[in-house]
Amino acid sequence: MRYADGPGVAYEVHVEATPSRVWELVTDIHLPARLSTELQRVEWRDGADGLAMGASFVGYNSHPNVGEWRTASYVTELDQQRVFGWVVTDLDGVFAGPDGVRSTVTSPSASWRFELQAAETGTRLRQSVRIGPGRSGLSVVIDRAPEHEEQIVEFRLGELRSHIESLLNGIKTLAETPHP
């Protein structure tokens, strides 16, 4: 499994809540930072104050093997109560290659997606991520040890799956808890 192949992972849960309640949570861009060890905080950028196609938000991240960095994410899919997708780019170019090339909207460092499907007793919630093809912190780690690329990618996919599981289980708990 190589980075250039665009590998990914996904996880899904059944949530005993309406799609509208689950949608409210998955489209709250601030929520993942509350449930993540890597994503520290998120804010809308360029005056955006809500979810819309093309809207952009900044993510502040930290990882023991990479350090701290910022990303710019762009909403690329938005189908009310069904799909919310975005691509991630390297906002400051800290992961640019030796040639200065860095991730862009058309060549993102990752593509994320939530999918919701109404079920008889709630909502099926799925989140997926595909890494690459643009450069990311993972590219820098691979640059240091290219002979271990497959193991590095596999390890990162395991981390991402763990992050997704934690987030979806957190959303499930919040959605199933009565709120005012």
C-alpha atoms as a PDB file:
ATOM      1  CA  MET A   1       0.000   0.000   0.000  1.00  0.00           C
ATOM      2  CA  ARG A   2       1.640   3.190  -1.216  1.00  0.00           C
ATOM      3  CA  TYR A   3       0.738   6.819  -0.546  1.00  0.00           C
ATOM      4  CA  ALA A   4       0.410   7.552  -4.266  1.00  0.00           C
ATOM      5  CA  ASP A   5      -2.353   4.923  -4.488  1.00  0.00           C
ATOM      6  CA  GLY A   6      -4.650   7.074  -2.354  1.00  0.00           C
ATOM      7  CA  PRO A   7      -5.458   4.488   0.309  1.00  0.00           C
ATOM      8  CA  GLY A   8      -8.191   5.121   2.812  1.00  0.00           C
ATOM      9  CA  VAL A   9     -10.252   3.819   5.677  1.00  0.00           C
ATOM     10  CA  ALA A  10     -13.868   4.040   6.762  1.00  0.00           C
ATOM     11  CA  TYR A  11     -15.984   3.213   9.773  1.00  0.00           C
ATOM     12  CA  GLU A  12     -19.702   3.313  10.433  1.00  0.00           C
ATOM     13  CA  VAL A  13     -22.085   3.220  13.357  1.00  0.00           C
ATOM     14  CA  HIS A  14     -25.823   3.016  13.847  1.00  0.00           C
ATOM     15  CA  VAL A  15     -27.109   6.038  15.753  1.00  0.00           C
ATOM     16  CA  GLU A  16     -30.469   5.941  17.537  1.00  0.00           C
ATOM     17  CA  ALA A  17     -31.326   9.487  16.450  1.00  0.00           C
ATOM     18  CA  THR A  18     -32.918  11.178  13.474  1.00  0.00           C
ATOM     19  CA  PRO A  19     -30.799  12.098  10.461  1.00  0.00           C
ATOM     20  CA  SER A  20     -31.471  15.786  11.242  1.00  0.00           C
ATOM     21  CA  ARG A  21     -29.957  15.419  14.737  1.00  0.00           C
ATOM     22  CA  VAL A  22     -26.937  13.502  13.403  1.00  0.00           C
ATOM     23  CA  TRP A  23     -26.514  16.046  10.583  1.00  0.00           C
ATOM     24  CA  GLU A  24     -26.444  18.864  13.122  1.00  0.00           C
ATOM     25  CA  LEU A  25     -23.484  17.179  14.830  1.00  0.00           C
ATOM     26  CA  VAL A  26     -21.464  16.079  11.768  1.00  0.00           C
ATOM     27  CA  THR A  27     -21.657  19.546  10.227  1.00  0.00           C
ATOM     28  CA  ASP A  28     -20.437  21.255  13.407  1.00  0.00           C
ATOM     29  CA  ILE A  29     -16.826  21.789  12.313  1.00  0.00           C
ATOM     30  CA  HIS A  30     -15.786  22.499  15.909  1.00  0.00           C
ATOM     31  CA  LEU A  31     -16.967  19.152  17.308  1.00  0.00           C
ATOM     32  CA  PRO A  32     -14.125  16.916  16.022  1.00  0.00           C
ATOM     33  CA  ALA A  33     -11.537  18.982  17.921  1.00  0.00           C
ATOM     34  CA  ARG A  34     -13.402  18.200  21.152  1.00  0.00           C
ATOM     35  CA  LEU A  35     -13.093  14.472  20.444  1.00  0.00           C
ATOM     36  CA  SER A  36      -9.620  14.284  18.864  1.00  0.00           C
ATOM     37  CA  THR A  37      -6.074  14.060  20.131  1.00  0.00           C
ATOM     38  CA  GLU A  38      -4.666  15.359  16.816  1.00  0.00           C
ATOM     39  CA  LEU A  39      -7.070  18.092  15.707  1.00  0.00           C
ATOM     40  CA  GLN A  40      -6.740  20.863  18.281  1.00  0.00           C
ATOM     41  CA  ARG A  41      -9.217  23.472  17.024  1.00  0.00           C
ATOM     42  CA  VAL A  42     -11.072  24.627  13.917  1.00  0.00           C
ATOM     43  CA  GLU A  43     -12.323  27.987  12.694  1.00  0.00           C
ATOM     44  CA  TRP A  44     -14.100  29.267   9.613  1.00  0.00           C
ATOM     45  CA  ARG A  45     -11.929  31.381   7.319  1.00  0.00           C
ATOM     46  CA  ASP A  46     -12.436  34.218   4.879  1.00  0.00           C
ATOM     47  CA  GLY A  47     -15.482  35.493   6.733  1.00  0.00           C
ATOM     48  CA  ALA A  48     -17.371  32.212   6.348  1.00  0.00           C
ATOM     49  CA  ASP A  49     -19.696  31.584   9.251  1.00  0.00           C
ATOM     50  CA  GLY A  50     -21.484  28.463   8.174  1.00  0.00           C
ATOM     51  CA  LEU A  51     -21.596  25.439   5.991  1.00  0.00           C
ATOM     52  CA  ALA A  52     -21.822  26.024   2.233  1.00  0.00           C
ATOM     53  CA  MET A  53     -20.241  24.570  -0.891  1.00  0.00           C
ATOM     54  CA  GLY A  54     -16.753  25.994  -1.263  1.00  0.00           C
ATOM     55  CA  ALA A  55     -16.663  27.320   2.312  1.00  0.00           C
ATOM     56  CA  SER A  56     -13.276  26.977   3.933  1.00  0.00           C
ATOM     57  CA  PHE A  57     -12.084  26.318   7.463  1.00  0.00           C
ATOM     58  CA  VAL A  58      -8.699  26.162   9.157  1.00  0.00           C
ATOM     59  CA  GLY A  59      -7.653  23.203  11.280  1.00  0.00           C
ATOM     60  CA  TYR A  60      -4.906  23.424  13.904  1.00  0.00           C
ATOM     61  CA  ASN A  61      -3.219  20.052  14.350  1.00  0.00           C
ATOM     62  CA  SER A  62      -0.562  18.383  16.453  1.00  0.00           C
ATOM     63  CA  HIS A  63       1.104  14.975  16.150  1.00  0.00           C
ATOM     64  CA  PRO A  64       4.150  13.690  18.075  1.00  0.00           C
ATOM     65  CA  ASN A  65       5.884  12.514  14.871  1.00  0.00           C
ATOM     66  CA  VAL A  66       5.176  15.615  12.794  1.00  0.00           C
ATOM     67  CA  GLY A  67       4.777  18.546  15.187  1.00  0.00           C
ATOM     68  CA  GLU A  68       2.170  21.263  14.771  1.00  0.00           C
ATOM     69  CA  TRP A  69       0.637  22.485  11.518  1.00  0.00           C
ATOM     70  CA  ARG A  70      -2.387  24.176  10.011  1.00  0.00           C
ATOM     71  CA  THR A  71      -4.616  22.952   7.235  1.00  0.00           C
ATOM     72  CA  ALA A  72      -7.164  24.659   5.027  1.00  0.00           C
ATOM     73  CA  SER A  73     -10.206  22.541   4.248  1.00  0.00           C
ATOM     74  CA  TYR A  74     -12.761  23.226   1.527  1.00  0.00           C
ATOM     75  CA  VAL A  75     -16.309  21.901   1.441  1.00  0.00           C
ATOM     76  CA  THR A  76     -16.650  19.877  -1.770  1.00  0.00           C
ATOM     77  CA  GLU A  77     -19.816  17.867  -1.137  1.00  0.00           C
ATOM     78  CA  LEU A  78     -22.968  19.027   0.592  1.00  0.00           C
ATOM     79  CA  ASP A  79     -26.232  17.140   0.288  1.00  0.00           C
ATOM     80  CA  GLN A  80     -28.457  18.065   3.246  1.00  0.00           C
ATOM     81  CA  GLN A  81     -28.743  15.266   5.801  1.00  0.00           C
ATOM     82  CA  ARG A  82     -26.944  12.869   3.431  1.00  0.00           C
ATOM     83  CA  VAL A  83     -23.344  13.846   2.560  1.00  0.00           C
ATOM     84  CA  PHE A  84     -20.780  16.306   3.885  1.00  0.00           C
ATOM     85  CA  GLY A  85     -17.356  16.110   2.257  1.00  0.00           C
ATOM     86  CA  TRP A  86     -14.230  18.255   2.245  1.00  0.00           C
ATOM     87  CA  VAL A  87     -10.651  18.228   1.018  1.00  0.00           C
ATOM     88  CA  VAL A  88      -7.642  19.190   3.113  1.00  0.00           C
ATOM     89  CA  THR A  89      -4.673  21.272   1.979  1.00  0.00           C
ATOM     90  CA  ASP A  90      -1.410  22.341   3.605  1.00  0.00           C
ATOM     91  CA  LEU A  91      -2.197  25.964   4.474  1.00  0.00           C
ATOM     92  CA  ASP A  92       1.360  27.087   5.212  1.00  0.00           C
ATOM     93  CA  GLY A  93       3.295  24.823   2.843  1.00  0.00           C
ATOM     94  CA  VAL A  94       5.171  23.136   5.688  1.00  0.00           C
ATOM     95  CA  PHE A  95       4.912  19.767   3.918  1.00  0.00           C
ATOM     96  CA  ALA A  96       5.856  21.002   0.444  1.00  0.00           C
ATOM     97  CA  GLY A  97       8.271  18.833  -1.454  1.00  0.00           C
ATOM     98  CA  PRO A  98      11.815  19.817  -2.387  1.00  0.00           C
ATOM     99  CA  ASP A  99      10.368  21.327  -5.563  1.00  0.00           C
ATOM    100  CA  GLY A 100       8.037  23.543  -3.530  1.00  0.00           C
ATOM    101  CA  VAL A 101       4.910  21.681  -4.650  1.00  0.00           C
ATOM    102  CA  ARG A 102       2.283  21.376  -1.939  1.00  0.00           C
ATOM    103  CA  SER A 103      -1.245  20.070  -1.647  1.00  0.00           C
ATOM    104  CA  THR A 104      -4.074  21.975  -3.313  1.00  0.00           C
ATOM    105  CA  VAL A 105      -7.839  21.643  -3.661  1.00  0.00           C
ATOM    106  CA  THR A 106      -7.320  19.610  -6.840  1.00  0.00           C
ATOM    107  CA  SER A 107      -4.502  17.572  -5.282  1.00  0.00           C
ATOM    108  CA  PRO A 108      -5.395  17.496  -1.575  1.00  0.00           C
ATOM    109  CA  SER A 109      -3.471  15.886   1.244  1.00  0.00           C
ATOM    110  CA  ALA A 110      -6.700  14.104   2.237  1.00  0.00           C
ATOM    111  CA  SER A 111     -10.382  13.868   1.331  1.00  0.00           C
ATOM    112  CA  TRP A 112     -12.913  13.341   4.120  1.00  0.00           C
ATOM    113  CA  ARG A 113     -16.592  12.417   3.905  1.00  0.00           C
ATOM    114  CA  PHE A 114     -19.574  11.822   6.181  1.00  0.00           C
ATOM    115  CA  GLU A 115     -22.503   9.832   4.807  1.00  0.00           C
ATOM    116  CA  LEU A 116     -25.859   9.562   6.564  1.00  0.00           C
ATOM    117  CA  GLN A 117     -28.615   7.137   5.696  1.00  0.00           C
ATOM    118  CA  ALA A 118     -31.991   7.021   7.398  1.00  0.00           C
ATOM    119  CA  ALA A 119     -32.650   3.671   9.034  1.00  0.00           C
ATOM    120  CA  GLU A 120     -35.781   2.216  10.579  1.00  0.00           C
ATOM    121  CA  THR A 121     -34.706   3.165  14.082  1.00  0.00           C
ATOM    122  CA  GLY A 122     -32.263   5.989  13.487  1.00  0.00           C
ATOM    123  CA  THR A 123     -29.370   6.798  11.196  1.00  0.00           C
ATOM    124  CA  ARG A 124     -26.488   4.857   9.691  1.00  0.00           C
ATOM    125  CA  LEU A 125     -23.464   7.168   9.948  1.00  0.00           C
ATOM    126  CA  ARG A 126     -20.298   6.488   7.973  1.00  0.00           C
ATOM    127  CA  GLN A 127     -17.089   8.485   7.817  1.00  0.00           C
ATOM    128  CA  SER A 128     -14.269   7.848   5.390  1.00  0.00           C
ATOM    129  CA  VAL A 129     -10.926   9.362   4.515  1.00  0.00           C
ATOM    130  CA  ARG A 130      -8.651   8.931   1.533  1.00  0.00           C
ATOM    131  CA  ILE A 131      -5.087  10.156   1.929  1.00  0.00           C
ATOM    132  CA  GLY A 132      -3.190  11.926  -0.839  1.00  0.00           C
ATOM    133  CA  PRO A 133      -2.412  12.477  -3.568  1.00  0.00           C
ATOM    134  CA  GLY A 134      -1.069  15.883  -2.433  1.00  0.00           C
ATOM    135  CA  ARG A 135       1.722  16.139   0.106  1.00  0.00           C
ATOM    136  CA  SER A 136       1.063  15.974   3.830  1.00  0.00           C
ATOM    137  CA  GLY A 137       2.943  15.326   7.043  1.00  0.00           C
ATOM    138  CA  LEU A 138       2.906  11.671   6.066  1.00  0.00           C
ATOM    139  CA  SER A 139       4.895  12.569   2.947  1.00  0.00           C
ATOM    140  CA  VAL A 140       7.627  14.048   5.133  1.00  0.00           C
ATOM    141  CA  VAL A 141       7.794  10.880   7.245  1.00  0.00           C
ATOM    142  CA  ILE A 142       7.964   8.741   4.086  1.00  0.00           C
ATOM    143  CA  ASP A 143      10.715  11.007   2.681  1.00  0.00           C
ATOM    144  CA  ARG A 144      12.826  10.154   5.757  1.00  0.00           C
ATOM    145  CA  ALA A 145      12.445   6.382   5.284  1.00  0.00           C
ATOM    146  CA  PRO A 146      11.131   5.581   1.782  1.00  0.00           C
ATOM    147  CA  GLU A 147      12.043   1.910   2.175  1.00  0.00           C
ATOM    148  CA  HIS A 148       9.345   1.701   4.905  1.00  0.00           C
ATOM    149  CA  GLU A 149       6.599   3.508   2.986  1.00  0.00           C
ATOM    150  CA  GLU A 150       4.104   0.648   3.132  1.00  0.00           C
ATOM    151  CA  GLN A 151       4.485   0.224   6.892  1.00  0.00           C
ATOM    152  CA  ILE A 152       4.287   4.004   7.428  1.00  0.00           C
ATOM    153  CA  VAL A 153       1.087   4.237   5.376  1.00  0.00           C
ATOM    154  CA  GLU A 154      -0.429   1.232   7.142  1.00  0.00           C
ATOM    155  CA  PHE A 155       0.386   2.744  10.543  1.00  0.00           C
ATOM    156  CA  ARG A 156      -1.161   6.090   9.568  1.00  0.00           C
ATOM    157  CA  LEU A 157      -4.307   4.431   8.258  1.00  0.00           C
ATOM    158  CA  GLY A 158      -4.609   2.660  11.614  1.00  0.00           C
ATOM    159  CA  GLU A 159      -4.329   6.011  13.397  1.00  0.00           C
ATOM    160  CA  LEU A 160      -6.947   7.556  11.115  1.00  0.00           C
ATOM    161  CA  ARG A 161      -9.329   4.646  11.641  1.00  0.00           C
ATOM    162  CA  SER A 162      -8.924   5.049  15.400  1.00  0.00           C
ATOM    163  CA  HIS A 163      -9.652   8.794  15.104  1.00  0.00           C
ATOM    164  CA  ILE A 164     -12.757   8.088  13.013  1.00  0.00           C
ATOM    165  CA  GLU A 165     -14.003   5.441  15.454  1.00  0.00           C
ATOM    166  CA  SER A 166     -13.578   7.845  18.377  1.00  0.00           C
ATOM    167  CA  LEU A 167     -15.344  10.646  16.537  1.00  0.00           C
ATOM    168  CA  LEU A 168     -18.281   8.536  15.374  1.00  0.00           C
ATOM    169  CA  ASN A 169     -18.716   6.955  18.793  1.00  0.00           C
ATOM    170  CA  GLY A 170     -18.637  10.456  20.321  1.00  0.00           C
ATOM    171  CA  ILE A 171     -21.245  11.669  17.830  1.00  0.00           C
ATOM    172  CA  LYS A 172     -23.372   8.603  18.594  1.00  0.00           C
ATOM    173  CA  THR A 173     -23.231   9.340  22.330  1.00  0.00           C
ATOM    174  CA  LEU A 174     -24.097  13.012  21.821  1.00  0.00           C
ATOM    175  CA  ALA A 175     -26.906  12.274  19.365  1.00  0.00           C
ATOM    176  CA  GLU A 176     -28.472   9.646  21.590  1.00  0.00           C
ATOM    177  CA  THR A 177     -28.346  11.852  24.677  1.00  0.00           C
ATOM    178  CA  PRO A 178     -31.446  14.019  25.106  1.00  0.00           C
ATOM    179  CA  HIS A 179     -30.641  17.699  24.674  1.00  0.00           C
ATOM    180  CA  PRO A 180     -32.666  20.843  25.347  1.00  0.00           C
END
